[in-house]
């Protein structure tokens, strides 16, 4: 594996991460506009677990 392949792999990973972050930020911004609580959308609550207090 030469340096070009390594750089191409890193660019792909960075591009995917950047896209995920942008989609997440857009989703939370839409939830704020609607007026829902962004914090209520957690993995534990979606799976049916009770949130810890």
C-alpha atoms as a PDB file:
ATOM      1  CA  UNK A   1       0.000   0.000   0.000  1.00  0.00           C
ATOM      2  CA  UNK A   2       1.614   3.224  -1.098  1.00  0.00           C
ATOM      3  CA  UNK A   3       1.142   6.678   0.358  1.00  0.00           C
ATOM      4  CA  UNK A   4      -1.437   7.655  -2.288  1.00  0.00           C
ATOM      5  CA  UNK A   5      -3.743   4.798  -1.231  1.00  0.00           C
ATOM      6  CA  UNK A   6      -3.363   5.765   2.425  1.00  0.00           C
ATOM      7  CA  UNK A   7      -4.230   9.401   1.680  1.00  0.00           C
ATOM      8  CA  UNK A   8      -7.188   8.372  -0.465  1.00  0.00           C
ATOM      9  CA  UNK A   9      -8.476   6.194   2.377  1.00  0.00           C
ATOM     10  CA  UNK A  10      -8.170   9.020   4.893  1.00  0.00           C
ATOM     11  CA  UNK A  11      -9.944  11.436   2.539  1.00  0.00           C
ATOM     12  CA  UNK A  12     -12.826   8.971   2.234  1.00  0.00           C
ATOM     13  CA  UNK A  13     -13.089   8.588   6.012  1.00  0.00           C
ATOM     14  CA  UNK A  14     -12.979  12.346   6.563  1.00  0.00           C
ATOM     15  CA  UNK A  15     -15.626  12.944   3.887  1.00  0.00           C
ATOM     16  CA  UNK A  16     -17.957  10.369   5.451  1.00  0.00           C
ATOM     17  CA  UNK A  17     -17.445  11.800   8.936  1.00  0.00           C
ATOM     18  CA  UNK A  18     -18.058  15.334   7.645  1.00  0.00           C
ATOM     19  CA  UNK A  19     -21.309  14.229   5.993  1.00  0.00           C
ATOM     20  CA  UNK A  20     -22.534  12.491   9.168  1.00  0.00           C
ATOM     21  CA  UNK A  21     -21.794  15.591  11.253  1.00  0.00           C
ATOM     22  CA  UNK A  22     -23.609  17.869   8.792  1.00  0.00           C
ATOM     23  CA  UNK A  23     -26.660  15.587   8.699  1.00  0.00           C
ATOM     24  CA  UNK A  24     -26.731  15.414  12.500  1.00  0.00           C
ATOM     25  CA  UNK A  25     -26.492  19.184  12.847  1.00  0.00           C
ATOM     26  CA  UNK A  26     -29.265  19.660  10.286  1.00  0.00           C
ATOM     27  CA  UNK A  27     -31.486  17.192  12.151  1.00  0.00           C
ATOM     28  CA  UNK A  28     -31.014  18.911  15.506  1.00  0.00           C
ATOM     29  CA  UNK A  29     -31.609  22.319  13.904  1.00  0.00           C
ATOM     30  CA  UNK A  30     -34.890  21.049  12.418  1.00  0.00           C
ATOM     31  CA  UNK A  31     -35.951  19.699  15.819  1.00  0.00           C
ATOM     32  CA  UNK A  32     -35.261  23.072  17.415  1.00  0.00           C
ATOM     33  CA  UNK A  33     -37.401  24.793  14.773  1.00  0.00           C
ATOM     34  CA  UNK A  34     -40.269  22.387  15.441  1.00  0.00           C
ATOM     35  CA  UNK A  35     -39.880  22.932  19.182  1.00  0.00           C
ATOM     36  CA  UNK A  36     -39.102  19.382  20.273  1.00  0.00           C
ATOM     37  CA  UNK A  37     -36.512  18.712  22.930  1.00  0.00           C
ATOM     38  CA  UNK A  38     -33.303  17.662  21.195  1.00  0.00           C
ATOM     39  CA  UNK A  39     -32.048  15.932  24.341  1.00  0.00           C
ATOM     40  CA  UNK A  40     -35.018  13.543  24.355  1.00  0.00           C
ATOM     41  CA  UNK A  41     -33.740  11.821  21.211  1.00  0.00           C
ATOM     42  CA  UNK A  42     -31.182   9.540  22.853  1.00  0.00           C
ATOM     43  CA  UNK A  43     -30.298   5.953  22.047  1.00  0.00           C
ATOM     44  CA  UNK A  44     -31.377   4.673  25.478  1.00  0.00           C
ATOM     45  CA  UNK A  45     -34.859   6.146  25.202  1.00  0.00           C
ATOM     46  CA  UNK A  46     -35.362   4.823  21.675  1.00  0.00           C
ATOM     47  CA  UNK A  47     -34.503   1.332  22.895  1.00  0.00           C
ATOM     48  CA  UNK A  48     -37.044   1.553  25.683  1.00  0.00           C
ATOM     49  CA  UNK A  49     -34.660   1.975  28.612  1.00  0.00           C
ATOM     50  CA  UNK A  50     -35.622   4.429  31.313  1.00  0.00           C
ATOM     51  CA  UNK A  51     -33.376   7.501  31.447  1.00  0.00           C
ATOM     52  CA  UNK A  52     -31.222   7.723  34.544  1.00  0.00           C
ATOM     53  CA  UNK A  53     -31.930  10.609  36.872  1.00  0.00           C
END
